[in-house]
Full PDB file with SEQRES, HELIX, SHEET, SSBOND, CRYST1, ORIGX, SCALE, CONECT and MASTER records, all heavy atoms in Angstrom:
SEQRES   1 A   33  SER GLU SER TRP PHE SER SER SER VAL VAL PRO PHE ARG          
SEQRES   2 A   33  ILE VAL PHE LEU MET TRP ALA VAL PHE TYR LEU GLN TYR          
SEQRES   3 A   33  VAL LEU GLY TRP PRO MET SER                                  
HELIX    1 AA1 TRP A    4  SER A    7  1                                   4    
HELIX    2 AA2 VAL A    9  TYR A   26  1                                  18    
CRYST1    1.000    1.000    1.000  90.00  90.00  90.00 P 1           1          
ORIGX1      1.000000  0.000000  0.000000        0.00000                         
ORIGX2      0.000000  1.000000  0.000000        0.00000                         
ORIGX3      0.000000  0.000000  1.000000        0.00000                         
SCALE1      1.000000  0.000000  0.000000        0.00000                         
SCALE2      0.000000  1.000000  0.000000        0.00000                         
SCALE3      0.000000  0.000000  1.000000        0.00000                         
ATOM      1  N   SER A   1      21.388  -3.163  24.028  1.00  0.00           N  
ATOM      2  CA  SER A   1      22.213  -2.407  23.077  1.00  0.00           C  
ATOM      3  C   SER A   1      23.299  -1.669  23.766  1.00  0.00           C  
ATOM      4  O   SER A   1      23.262  -1.412  24.976  1.00  0.00           O  
ATOM      5  CB  SER A   1      21.291  -1.461  22.339  1.00  0.00           C  
ATOM      6  OG  SER A   1      22.005  -0.779  21.302  1.00  0.00           O  
ATOM      7  N   GLU A   2      24.316  -1.289  23.039  1.00  0.00           N  
ATOM      8  CA  GLU A   2      25.489  -0.640  23.613  1.00  0.00           C  
ATOM      9  C   GLU A   2      25.270   0.831  23.931  1.00  0.00           C  
ATOM     10  O   GLU A   2      25.648   1.330  24.944  1.00  0.00           O  
ATOM     11  CB  GLU A   2      26.673  -0.814  22.706  1.00  0.00           C  
ATOM     12  CG  GLU A   2      27.154  -2.232  22.552  1.00  0.00           C  
ATOM     13  CD  GLU A   2      28.313  -2.340  21.565  1.00  0.00           C  
ATOM     14  OE1 GLU A   2      28.938  -1.337  21.289  1.00  0.00           O  
ATOM     15  OE2 GLU A   2      28.562  -3.446  21.140  1.00  0.00           O  
ATOM     16  N   SER A   3      24.616   1.537  22.993  1.00  0.00           N  
ATOM     17  CA  SER A   3      24.410   2.966  23.231  1.00  0.00           C  
ATOM     18  C   SER A   3      23.152   3.430  22.513  1.00  0.00           C  
ATOM     19  O   SER A   3      22.546   2.742  21.734  1.00  0.00           O  
ATOM     20  CB  SER A   3      25.629   3.719  22.647  1.00  0.00           C  
ATOM     21  OG  SER A   3      25.598   3.666  21.222  1.00  0.00           O  
ATOM     22  N   TRP A   4      22.786   4.648  22.827  1.00  0.00           N  
ATOM     23  CA  TRP A   4      21.599   5.228  22.182  1.00  0.00           C  
ATOM     24  C   TRP A   4      21.848   5.426  20.752  1.00  0.00           C  
ATOM     25  O   TRP A   4      20.929   5.305  19.921  1.00  0.00           O  
ATOM     26  CB  TRP A   4      21.252   6.613  22.831  1.00  0.00           C  
ATOM     27  CG  TRP A   4      20.548   6.487  24.118  1.00  0.00           C  
ATOM     28  CD1 TRP A   4      21.037   6.673  25.374  1.00  0.00           C  
ATOM     29  CD2 TRP A   4      19.192   6.100  24.313  1.00  0.00           C  
ATOM     30  NE1 TRP A   4      20.091   6.450  26.333  1.00  0.00           N  
ATOM     31  CE2 TRP A   4      18.940   6.085  25.701  1.00  0.00           C  
ATOM     32  CE3 TRP A   4      18.178   5.734  23.451  1.00  0.00           C  
ATOM     33  CZ2 TRP A   4      17.711   5.726  26.248  1.00  0.00           C  
ATOM     34  CZ3 TRP A   4      16.945   5.351  23.973  1.00  0.00           C  
ATOM     35  CH2 TRP A   4      16.721   5.346  25.362  1.00  0.00           C  
ATOM     36  N   PHE A   5      23.069   5.734  20.370  1.00  0.00           N  
ATOM     37  CA  PHE A   5      23.365   5.982  18.948  1.00  0.00           C  
ATOM     38  C   PHE A   5      23.161   4.694  18.131  1.00  0.00           C  
ATOM     39  O   PHE A   5      22.527   4.723  17.114  1.00  0.00           O  
ATOM     40  CB  PHE A   5      24.778   6.519  18.776  1.00  0.00           C  
ATOM     41  CG  PHE A   5      25.165   6.723  17.346  1.00  0.00           C  
ATOM     42  CD1 PHE A   5      24.662   7.806  16.621  1.00  0.00           C  
ATOM     43  CD2 PHE A   5      25.987   5.818  16.703  1.00  0.00           C  
ATOM     44  CE1 PHE A   5      24.985   7.999  15.288  1.00  0.00           C  
ATOM     45  CE2 PHE A   5      26.323   5.999  15.372  1.00  0.00           C  
ATOM     46  CZ  PHE A   5      25.807   7.102  14.657  1.00  0.00           C  
ATOM     47  N   SER A   6      23.713   3.593  18.606  1.00  0.00           N  
ATOM     48  CA  SER A   6      23.611   2.353  17.845  1.00  0.00           C  
ATOM     49  C   SER A   6      22.163   1.830  17.882  1.00  0.00           C  
ATOM     50  O   SER A   6      21.732   1.133  16.954  1.00  0.00           O  
ATOM     51  CB  SER A   6      24.509   1.281  18.439  1.00  0.00           C  
ATOM     52  OG  SER A   6      24.190   0.962  19.733  1.00  0.00           O  
ATOM     53  N   SER A   7      21.409   2.218  18.897  1.00  0.00           N  
ATOM     54  CA  SER A   7      20.026   1.742  18.936  1.00  0.00           C  
ATOM     55  C   SER A   7      19.082   2.591  18.055  1.00  0.00           C  
ATOM     56  O   SER A   7      17.928   2.247  17.828  1.00  0.00           O  
ATOM     57  CB  SER A   7      19.506   1.702  20.361  1.00  0.00           C  
ATOM     58  OG  SER A   7      19.489   2.998  20.892  1.00  0.00           O  
ATOM     59  N   SER A   8      19.561   3.726  17.567  1.00  0.00           N  
ATOM     60  CA  SER A   8      18.685   4.578  16.777  1.00  0.00           C  
ATOM     61  C   SER A   8      19.010   4.523  15.294  1.00  0.00           C  
ATOM     62  O   SER A   8      18.418   5.284  14.491  1.00  0.00           O  
ATOM     63  CB  SER A   8      18.823   6.022  17.289  1.00  0.00           C  
ATOM     64  OG  SER A   8      20.133   6.484  17.111  1.00  0.00           O  
ATOM     65  N   VAL A   9      19.857   3.626  14.856  1.00  0.00           N  
ATOM     66  CA  VAL A   9      20.226   3.528  13.425  1.00  0.00           C  
ATOM     67  C   VAL A   9      19.044   3.110  12.592  1.00  0.00           C  
ATOM     68  O   VAL A   9      18.723   3.793  11.563  1.00  0.00           O  
ATOM     69  CB  VAL A   9      21.377   2.536  13.234  1.00  0.00           C  
ATOM     70  CG1 VAL A   9      21.645   2.268  11.794  1.00  0.00           C  
ATOM     71  CG2 VAL A   9      22.667   3.121  13.890  1.00  0.00           C  
ATOM     72  N   VAL A  10      18.337   2.079  12.955  1.00  0.00           N  
ATOM     73  CA  VAL A  10      17.197   1.629  12.147  1.00  0.00           C  
ATOM     74  C   VAL A  10      16.046   2.615  12.140  1.00  0.00           C  
ATOM     75  O   VAL A  10      15.554   2.958  11.069  1.00  0.00           O  
ATOM     76  CB  VAL A  10      16.719   0.215  12.610  1.00  0.00           C  
ATOM     77  CG1 VAL A  10      15.437  -0.170  11.901  1.00  0.00           C  
ATOM     78  CG2 VAL A  10      17.793  -0.791  12.431  1.00  0.00           C  
ATOM     79  N   PRO A  11      15.672   3.199  13.254  1.00  0.00           N  
ATOM     80  CA  PRO A  11      14.629   4.215  13.260  1.00  0.00           C  
ATOM     81  C   PRO A  11      14.974   5.461  12.384  1.00  0.00           C  
ATOM     82  O   PRO A  11      14.150   5.992  11.632  1.00  0.00           O  
ATOM     83  CB  PRO A  11      14.449   4.642  14.671  1.00  0.00           C  
ATOM     84  CG  PRO A  11      14.848   3.437  15.451  1.00  0.00           C  
ATOM     85  CD  PRO A  11      15.969   2.816  14.683  1.00  0.00           C  
ATOM     86  N   PHE A  12      16.289   5.861  12.404  1.00  0.00           N  
ATOM     87  CA  PHE A  12      16.721   6.991  11.567  1.00  0.00           C  
ATOM     88  C   PHE A  12      16.626   6.599  10.079  1.00  0.00           C  
ATOM     89  O   PHE A  12      16.324   7.445   9.254  1.00  0.00           O  
ATOM     90  CB  PHE A  12      18.099   7.448  11.918  1.00  0.00           C  
ATOM     91  CG  PHE A  12      18.108   8.522  12.924  1.00  0.00           C  
ATOM     92  CD1 PHE A  12      18.518   8.283  14.245  1.00  0.00           C  
ATOM     93  CD2 PHE A  12      17.731   9.821  12.580  1.00  0.00           C  
ATOM     94  CE1 PHE A  12      18.502   9.313  15.185  1.00  0.00           C  
ATOM     95  CE2 PHE A  12      17.733  10.841  13.534  1.00  0.00           C  
ATOM     96  CZ  PHE A  12      18.105  10.574  14.811  1.00  0.00           C  
ATOM     97  N   ARG A  13      16.909   5.381   9.754  1.00  0.00           N  
ATOM     98  CA  ARG A  13      16.822   4.950   8.327  1.00  0.00           C  
ATOM     99  C   ARG A  13      15.362   4.969   7.895  1.00  0.00           C  
ATOM    100  O   ARG A  13      15.091   5.428   6.762  1.00  0.00           O  
ATOM    101  CB  ARG A  13      17.416   3.565   8.168  1.00  0.00           C  
ATOM    102  CG  ARG A  13      18.883   3.550   8.265  1.00  0.00           C  
ATOM    103  CD  ARG A  13      19.450   2.159   8.077  1.00  0.00           C  
ATOM    104  NE  ARG A  13      20.893   2.154   8.220  1.00  0.00           N  
ATOM    105  CZ  ARG A  13      21.628   1.055   8.269  1.00  0.00           C  
ATOM    106  NH1 ARG A  13      21.065  -0.128   8.207  1.00  0.00           N  
ATOM    107  NH2 ARG A  13      22.937   1.167   8.376  1.00  0.00           N  
ATOM    108  N   ILE A  14      14.462   4.497   8.687  1.00  0.00           N  
ATOM    109  CA  ILE A  14      13.027   4.554   8.327  1.00  0.00           C  
ATOM    110  C   ILE A  14      12.549   6.008   8.204  1.00  0.00           C  
ATOM    111  O   ILE A  14      11.838   6.321   7.252  1.00  0.00           O  
ATOM    112  CB  ILE A  14      12.190   3.787   9.355  1.00  0.00           C  
ATOM    113  CG1 ILE A  14      12.610   2.283   9.421  1.00  0.00           C  
ATOM    114  CG2 ILE A  14      10.722   3.938   9.080  1.00  0.00           C  
ATOM    115  CD1 ILE A  14      12.357   1.539   8.127  1.00  0.00           C  
ATOM    116  N   VAL A  15      12.957   6.841   9.114  1.00  0.00           N  
ATOM    117  CA  VAL A  15      12.578   8.257   9.060  1.00  0.00           C  
ATOM    118  C   VAL A  15      13.168   8.907   7.786  1.00  0.00           C  
ATOM    119  O   VAL A  15      12.501   9.696   7.118  1.00  0.00           O  
ATOM    120  CB  VAL A  15      13.010   9.024  10.318  1.00  0.00           C  
ATOM    121  CG1 VAL A  15      12.930  10.514  10.157  1.00  0.00           C  
ATOM    122  CG2 VAL A  15      12.144   8.577  11.493  1.00  0.00           C  
ATOM    123  N   PHE A  16      14.390   8.572   7.439  1.00  0.00           N  
ATOM    124  CA  PHE A  16      14.971   9.079   6.194  1.00  0.00           C  
ATOM    125  C   PHE A  16      14.146   8.639   5.016  1.00  0.00           C  
ATOM    126  O   PHE A  16      13.876   9.474   4.073  1.00  0.00           O  
ATOM    127  CB  PHE A  16      16.419   8.571   6.051  1.00  0.00           C  
ATOM    128  CG  PHE A  16      17.027   8.992   4.756  1.00  0.00           C  
ATOM    129  CD1 PHE A  16      17.519  10.278   4.563  1.00  0.00           C  
ATOM    130  CD2 PHE A  16      17.121   8.085   3.705  1.00  0.00           C  
ATOM    131  CE1 PHE A  16      18.057  10.671   3.357  1.00  0.00           C  
ATOM    132  CE2 PHE A  16      17.696   8.463   2.490  1.00  0.00           C  
ATOM    133  CZ  PHE A  16      18.155   9.761   2.307  1.00  0.00           C  
ATOM    134  N   LEU A  17      13.700   7.396   4.974  1.00  0.00           N  
ATOM    135  CA  LEU A  17      12.859   6.944   3.843  1.00  0.00           C  
ATOM    136  C   LEU A  17      11.543   7.716   3.816  1.00  0.00           C  
ATOM    137  O   LEU A  17      11.051   8.076   2.758  1.00  0.00           O  
ATOM    138  CB  LEU A  17      12.584   5.467   3.968  1.00  0.00           C  
ATOM    139  CG  LEU A  17      13.688   4.538   3.566  1.00  0.00           C  
ATOM    140  CD1 LEU A  17      13.329   3.087   3.879  1.00  0.00           C  
ATOM    141  CD2 LEU A  17      14.017   4.687   2.082  1.00  0.00           C  
ATOM    142  N   MET A  18      10.924   7.951   5.004  1.00  0.00           N  
ATOM    143  CA  MET A  18       9.659   8.664   5.050  1.00  0.00           C  
ATOM    144  C   MET A  18       9.860  10.059   4.475  1.00  0.00           C  
ATOM    145  O   MET A  18       9.040  10.570   3.693  1.00  0.00           O  
ATOM    146  CB  MET A  18       9.151   8.743   6.480  1.00  0.00           C  
ATOM    147  CG  MET A  18       8.654   7.409   7.026  1.00  0.00           C  
ATOM    148  SD  MET A  18       8.236   7.331   8.776  1.00  0.00           S  
ATOM    149  CE  MET A  18       8.101   8.971   9.358  1.00  0.00           C  
ATOM    150  N   TRP A  19      10.951  10.787   4.890  1.00  0.00           N  
ATOM    151  CA  TRP A  19      11.181  12.142   4.394  1.00  0.00           C  
ATOM    152  C   TRP A  19      11.541  12.138   2.921  1.00  0.00           C  
ATOM    153  O   TRP A  19      11.202  13.053   2.169  1.00  0.00           O  
ATOM    154  CB  TRP A  19      12.279  12.799   5.250  1.00  0.00           C  
ATOM    155  CG  TRP A  19      11.747  13.304   6.522  1.00  0.00           C  
ATOM    156  CD1 TRP A  19      11.645  12.641   7.713  1.00  0.00           C  
ATOM    157  CD2 TRP A  19      11.116  14.599   6.757  1.00  0.00           C  
ATOM    158  NE1 TRP A  19      11.025  13.451   8.658  1.00  0.00           N  
ATOM    159  CE2 TRP A  19      10.710  14.605   8.116  1.00  0.00           C  
ATOM    160  CE3 TRP A  19      10.898  15.711   5.962  1.00  0.00           C  
ATOM    161  CZ2 TRP A  19      10.101  15.731   8.672  1.00  0.00           C  
ATOM    162  CZ3 TRP A  19      10.276  16.819   6.519  1.00  0.00           C  
ATOM    163  CH2 TRP A  19       9.889  16.830   7.888  1.00  0.00           C  
ATOM    164  N   ALA A  20      12.281  11.128   2.450  1.00  0.00           N  
ATOM    165  CA  ALA A  20      12.616  11.059   1.012  1.00  0.00           C  
ATOM    166  C   ALA A  20      11.425  10.857   0.165  1.00  0.00           C  
ATOM    167  O   ALA A  20      11.277  11.473  -0.880  1.00  0.00           O  
ATOM    168  CB  ALA A  20      13.656   9.923   0.796  1.00  0.00           C  
ATOM    169  N   VAL A  21      10.490   9.984   0.618  1.00  0.00           N  
ATOM    170  CA  VAL A  21       9.267   9.777  -0.173  1.00  0.00           C  
ATOM    171  C   VAL A  21       8.426  11.030  -0.169  1.00  0.00           C  
ATOM    172  O   VAL A  21       7.899  11.430  -1.190  1.00  0.00           O  
ATOM    173  CB  VAL A  21       8.496   8.566   0.440  1.00  0.00           C  
ATOM    174  CG1 VAL A  21       7.081   8.498  -0.131  1.00  0.00           C  
ATOM    175  CG2 VAL A  21       9.214   7.275   0.192  1.00  0.00           C  
ATOM    176  N   PHE A  22       8.358  11.724   0.975  1.00  0.00           N  
ATOM    177  CA  PHE A  22       7.588  12.972   0.988  1.00  0.00           C  
ATOM    178  C   PHE A  22       8.246  14.012   0.127  1.00  0.00           C  
ATOM    179  O   PHE A  22       7.513  14.754  -0.566  1.00  0.00           O  
ATOM    180  CB  PHE A  22       7.521  13.496   2.442  1.00  0.00           C  
ATOM    181  CG  PHE A  22       6.605  14.713   2.539  1.00  0.00           C  
ATOM    182  CD1 PHE A  22       5.240  14.577   2.522  1.00  0.00           C  
ATOM    183  CD2 PHE A  22       7.135  15.994   2.650  1.00  0.00           C  
ATOM    184  CE1 PHE A  22       4.394  15.671   2.633  1.00  0.00           C  
ATOM    185  CE2 PHE A  22       6.375  17.094   2.742  1.00  0.00           C  
ATOM    186  CZ  PHE A  22       4.962  16.956   2.744  1.00  0.00           C  
ATOM    187  N   TYR A  23       9.573  14.089   0.083  1.00  0.00           N  
ATOM    188  CA  TYR A  23      10.253  15.025  -0.830  1.00  0.00           C  
ATOM    189  C   TYR A  23       9.894  14.751  -2.272  1.00  0.00           C  
ATOM    190  O   TYR A  23       9.587  15.681  -3.039  1.00  0.00           O  
ATOM    191  CB  TYR A  23      11.793  14.890  -0.593  1.00  0.00           C  
ATOM    192  CG  TYR A  23      12.572  15.768  -1.560  1.00  0.00           C  
ATOM    193  CD1 TYR A  23      12.778  17.096  -1.262  1.00  0.00           C  
ATOM    194  CD2 TYR A  23      13.132  15.236  -2.695  1.00  0.00           C  
ATOM    195  CE1 TYR A  23      13.478  17.924  -2.128  1.00  0.00           C  
ATOM    196  CE2 TYR A  23      13.855  16.054  -3.587  1.00  0.00           C  
ATOM    197  CZ  TYR A  23      14.040  17.379  -3.261  1.00  0.00           C  
ATOM    198  OH  TYR A  23      14.758  18.184  -4.146  1.00  0.00           O  
ATOM    199  N   LEU A  24       9.943  13.466  -2.653  1.00  0.00           N  
ATOM    200  CA  LEU A  24       9.586  13.134  -4.046  1.00  0.00           C  
ATOM    201  C   LEU A  24       8.149  13.484  -4.351  1.00  0.00           C  
ATOM    202  O   LEU A  24       7.820  13.951  -5.448  1.00  0.00           O  
ATOM    203  CB  LEU A  24       9.803  11.649  -4.297  1.00  0.00           C  
ATOM    204  CG  LEU A  24      11.244  11.153  -4.234  1.00  0.00           C  
ATOM    205  CD1 LEU A  24      11.347   9.636  -4.299  1.00  0.00           C  
ATOM    206  CD2 LEU A  24      12.086  11.837  -5.321  1.00  0.00           C  
ATOM    207  N   GLN A  25       7.258  13.248  -3.362  1.00  0.00           N  
ATOM    208  CA  GLN A  25       5.886  13.574  -3.532  1.00  0.00           C  
ATOM    209  C   GLN A  25       5.613  15.074  -3.633  1.00  0.00           C  
ATOM    210  O   GLN A  25       4.897  15.515  -4.542  1.00  0.00           O  
ATOM    211  CB  GLN A  25       5.064  12.970  -2.408  1.00  0.00           C  
ATOM    212  CG  GLN A  25       3.575  13.279  -2.444  1.00  0.00           C  
ATOM    213  CD  GLN A  25       2.907  12.711  -1.187  1.00  0.00           C  
ATOM    214  OE1 GLN A  25       3.475  11.992  -0.432  1.00  0.00           O  
ATOM    215  NE2 GLN A  25       1.636  13.072  -1.044  1.00  0.00           N  
ATOM    216  N   TYR A  26       6.142  15.826  -2.734  1.00  0.00           N  
ATOM    217  CA  TYR A  26       5.808  17.217  -2.609  1.00  0.00           C  
ATOM    218  C   TYR A  26       6.598  18.090  -3.531  1.00  0.00           C  
ATOM    219  O   TYR A  26       6.003  18.958  -4.288  1.00  0.00           O  
ATOM    220  CB  TYR A  26       6.005  17.650  -1.160  1.00  0.00           C  
ATOM    221  CG  TYR A  26       5.546  19.065  -0.907  1.00  0.00           C  
ATOM    222  CD1 TYR A  26       4.184  19.321  -0.778  1.00  0.00           C  
ATOM    223  CD2 TYR A  26       6.426  20.129  -0.712  1.00  0.00           C  
ATOM    224  CE1 TYR A  26       3.729  20.623  -0.518  1.00  0.00           C  
ATOM    225  CE2 TYR A  26       5.975  21.376  -0.493  1.00  0.00           C  
ATOM    226  CZ  TYR A  26       4.637  21.610  -0.371  1.00  0.00           C  
ATOM    227  OH  TYR A  26       4.212  22.900  -0.129  1.00  0.00           O  
ATOM    228  N   VAL A  27       7.898  17.956  -3.571  1.00  0.00           N  
ATOM    229  CA  VAL A  27       8.759  18.880  -4.355  1.00  0.00           C  
ATOM    230  C   VAL A  27       8.741  18.514  -5.843  1.00  0.00           C  
ATOM    231  O   VAL A  27       8.644  19.388  -6.654  1.00  0.00           O  
ATOM    232  CB  VAL A  27      10.199  18.866  -3.761  1.00  0.00           C  
ATOM    233  CG1 VAL A  27      11.123  19.715  -4.624  1.00  0.00           C  
ATOM    234  CG2 VAL A  27      10.167  19.396  -2.357  1.00  0.00           C  
ATOM    235  N   LEU A  28       8.886  17.234  -6.134  1.00  0.00           N  
ATOM    236  CA  LEU A  28       8.949  16.837  -7.508  1.00  0.00           C  
ATOM    237  C   LEU A  28       7.557  16.533  -8.166  1.00  0.00           C  
ATOM    238  O   LEU A  28       7.471  16.381  -9.333  1.00  0.00           O  
ATOM    239  CB  LEU A  28       9.815  15.582  -7.660  1.00  0.00           C  
ATOM    240  CG  LEU A  28      11.299  15.757  -7.231  1.00  0.00           C  
ATOM    241  CD1 LEU A  28      12.035  14.465  -7.382  1.00  0.00           C  
ATOM    242  CD2 LEU A  28      11.955  16.891  -8.011  1.00  0.00           C  
ATOM    243  N   GLY A  29       6.559  16.509  -7.282  1.00  0.00           N  
ATOM    244  CA  GLY A  29       5.198  16.327  -7.820  1.00  0.00           C  
ATOM    245  C   GLY A  29       4.850  14.911  -8.188  1.00  0.00           C  
ATOM    246  O   GLY A  29       3.898  14.712  -8.964  1.00  0.00           O  
ATOM    247  N   TRP A  30       5.564  13.975  -7.634  1.00  0.00           N  
ATOM    248  CA  TRP A  30       5.240  12.575  -7.966  1.00  0.00           C  
ATOM    249  C   TRP A  30       4.012  12.131  -7.166  1.00  0.00           C  
ATOM    250  O   TRP A  30       3.992  12.285  -5.940  1.00  0.00           O  
ATOM    251  CB  TRP A  30       6.414  11.651  -7.655  1.00  0.00           C  
ATOM    252  CG  TRP A  30       7.589  11.821  -8.572  1.00  0.00           C  
ATOM    253  CD1 TRP A  30       7.692  12.740  -9.573  1.00  0.00           C  
ATOM    254  CD2 TRP A  30       8.804  11.111  -8.558  1.00  0.00           C  
ATOM    255  NE1 TRP A  30       8.882  12.643 -10.203  1.00  0.00           N  
ATOM    256  CE2 TRP A  30       9.593  11.623  -9.575  1.00  0.00           C  
ATOM    257  CE3 TRP A  30       9.265  10.112  -7.782  1.00  0.00           C  
ATOM    258  CZ2 TRP A  30      10.876  11.145  -9.849  1.00  0.00           C  
ATOM    259  CZ3 TRP A  30      10.552   9.594  -8.036  1.00  0.00           C  
ATOM    260  CH2 TRP A  30      11.330  10.140  -9.064  1.00  0.00           C  
ATOM    261  N   PRO A  31       3.010  11.534  -7.770  1.00  0.00           N  
ATOM    262  CA  PRO A  31       1.777  11.108  -7.024  1.00  0.00           C  
ATOM    263  C   PRO A  31       2.009   9.822  -6.291  1.00  0.00           C  
ATOM    264  O   PRO A  31       2.031   8.730  -6.875  1.00  0.00           O  
ATOM    265  CB  PRO A  31       0.745  10.960  -8.138  1.00  0.00           C  
ATOM    266  CG  PRO A  31       1.576  10.619  -9.370  1.00  0.00           C  
ATOM    267  CD  PRO A  31       2.870  11.330  -9.194  1.00  0.00           C  
ATOM    268  N   MET A  32       2.271   9.918  -4.996  1.00  0.00           N  
ATOM    269  CA  MET A  32       2.513   8.714  -4.191  1.00  0.00           C  
ATOM    270  C   MET A  32       1.201   8.029  -3.750  1.00  0.00           C  
ATOM    271  O   MET A  32       1.284   6.939  -3.217  1.00  0.00           O  
ATOM    272  CB  MET A  32       3.354   9.046  -2.986  1.00  0.00           C  
ATOM    273  CG  MET A  32       4.741   9.517  -3.328  1.00  0.00           C  
ATOM    274  SD  MET A  32       5.678   8.211  -4.092  1.00  0.00           S  
ATOM    275  CE  MET A  32       7.123   9.072  -4.562  1.00  0.00           C  
ATOM    276  N   SER A  33       0.078   8.706  -3.940  1.00  0.00           N  
ATOM    277  CA  SER A  33      -1.183   8.086  -3.533  1.00  0.00           C  
ATOM    278  C   SER A  33      -1.455   6.801  -4.319  1.00  0.00           C  
ATOM    279  O   SER A  33      -2.263   5.977  -3.888  1.00  0.00           O  
ATOM    280  CB  SER A  33      -2.293   9.062  -3.695  1.00  0.00           C  
ATOM    281  OG  SER A  33      -2.427   9.446  -5.054  1.00  0.00           O  
TER     282      SER A  33                                                      
MASTER        0    0    0    2    0    0    0    6  281    1    0    3          
END                                                                             
């Protein structure tokens, strides 16, 4: 890979999805179980 930034794009996207799902679960009260 060219740089650390370009190599961290996919992991940051997955982490964003993890935090978004947790936000929906915790703040909005959606049952993700």
